[in-house]
Amino acid sequence: MRPTRCPAETDRRGATRVVHRTEITGSAADTLGPEITADFPEIVAGSIKHAGQN
């Protein structure tokens, strides 16, 4: 598994874009992937909230 990166970018208009990506590889990826990413909705919501505060 590669580290999760969640960069926030601001465009010319001042809009913020949050990208959340996790790459899971290996023989257990199909099994572990859904377990690892199950909380993505909460993680992304928190990232968006945090980005709006900066």
C-alpha atoms as a PDB file:
ATOM      1  CA  MET A   1       0.000   0.000   0.000  1.00  0.00           C
ATOM      2  CA  ARG A   2       1.250   3.444  -0.829  1.00  0.00           C
ATOM      3  CA  PRO A   3       0.770   6.338   1.579  1.00  0.00           C
ATOM      4  CA  THR A   4      -2.452   8.270   1.255  1.00  0.00           C
ATOM      5  CA  ARG A   5      -2.018  11.744  -0.137  1.00  0.00           C
ATOM      6  CA  CYS A   6      -4.662  14.408   0.147  1.00  0.00           C
ATOM      7  CA  PRO A   7      -3.381  17.637  -1.375  1.00  0.00           C
ATOM      8  CA  ALA A   8      -5.571  20.724  -1.558  1.00  0.00           C
ATOM      9  CA  GLU A   9      -5.170  23.066  -4.506  1.00  0.00           C
ATOM     10  CA  THR A  10      -6.594  26.536  -5.055  1.00  0.00           C
ATOM     11  CA  ASP A  11      -7.347  27.650  -8.595  1.00  0.00           C
ATOM     12  CA  ARG A  12      -7.411  31.142 -10.117  1.00  0.00           C
ATOM     13  CA  ARG A  13     -11.000  31.691  -9.001  1.00  0.00           C
ATOM     14  CA  GLY A  14     -10.158  30.853  -5.402  1.00  0.00           C
ATOM     15  CA  ALA A  15     -11.969  27.506  -5.512  1.00  0.00           C
ATOM     16  CA  THR A  16     -10.366  24.698  -3.533  1.00  0.00           C
ATOM     17  CA  ARG A  17     -10.011  21.204  -4.932  1.00  0.00           C
ATOM     18  CA  VAL A  18      -9.265  18.322  -2.584  1.00  0.00           C
ATOM     19  CA  VAL A  19      -7.930  15.090  -4.079  1.00  0.00           C
ATOM     20  CA  HIS A  20      -7.898  11.920  -1.965  1.00  0.00           C
ATOM     21  CA  ARG A  21      -6.155   8.897  -3.406  1.00  0.00           C
ATOM     22  CA  THR A  22      -5.049   5.588  -1.966  1.00  0.00           C
ATOM     23  CA  GLU A  23      -3.432   2.888  -4.057  1.00  0.00           C
ATOM     24  CA  ILE A  24      -3.676  -0.617  -2.639  1.00  0.00           C
ATOM     25  CA  THR A  25      -1.644  -3.330  -4.330  1.00  0.00           C
ATOM     26  CA  GLY A  26      -0.696  -6.900  -3.640  1.00  0.00           C
ATOM     27  CA  SER A  27      -2.396 -10.232  -3.299  1.00  0.00           C
ATOM     28  CA  ALA A  28      -4.784  -9.055  -0.559  1.00  0.00           C
ATOM     29  CA  ALA A  29      -5.744  -5.765  -2.252  1.00  0.00           C
ATOM     30  CA  ASP A  30      -9.234  -6.969  -3.201  1.00  0.00           C
ATOM     31  CA  THR A  31      -9.930  -7.946   0.391  1.00  0.00           C
ATOM     32  CA  LEU A  32      -8.211  -5.093   2.193  1.00  0.00           C
ATOM     33  CA  GLY A  33      -9.180  -2.314  -0.215  1.00  0.00           C
ATOM     34  CA  PRO A  34     -12.816  -2.015   0.865  1.00  0.00           C
ATOM     35  CA  GLU A  35     -11.820  -2.189   4.535  1.00  0.00           C
ATOM     36  CA  ILE A  36      -9.164   0.486   4.190  1.00  0.00           C
ATOM     37  CA  THR A  37     -11.327   2.854   2.133  1.00  0.00           C
ATOM     38  CA  ALA A  38     -14.608   2.353   4.035  1.00  0.00           C
ATOM     39  CA  ASP A  39     -14.205   5.684   5.829  1.00  0.00           C
ATOM     40  CA  PHE A  40     -13.415   7.712   2.682  1.00  0.00           C
ATOM     41  CA  PRO A  41     -16.676   9.710   2.856  1.00  0.00           C
ATOM     42  CA  GLU A  42     -15.824  10.907   6.381  1.00  0.00           C
ATOM     43  CA  ILE A  43     -12.177  11.533   5.490  1.00  0.00           C
ATOM     44  CA  VAL A  44     -13.069  13.566   2.408  1.00  0.00           C
ATOM     45  CA  ALA A  45     -15.699  15.569   4.310  1.00  0.00           C
ATOM     46  CA  GLY A  46     -13.109  16.384   6.987  1.00  0.00           C
ATOM     47  CA  SER A  47     -10.551  17.358   4.345  1.00  0.00           C
ATOM     48  CA  ILE A  48     -13.038  19.686   2.669  1.00  0.00           C
ATOM     49  CA  LYS A  49     -13.964  21.254   6.011  1.00  0.00           C
ATOM     50  CA  HIS A  50     -10.284  21.749   6.855  1.00  0.00           C
ATOM     51  CA  ALA A  51      -9.503  23.209   3.425  1.00  0.00           C
ATOM     52  CA  GLY A  52     -12.299  25.739   3.855  1.00  0.00           C
ATOM     53  CA  GLN A  53     -10.757  26.967   7.100  1.00  0.00           C
ATOM     54  CA  ASN A  54      -7.408  27.837   5.535  1.00  0.00           C
END
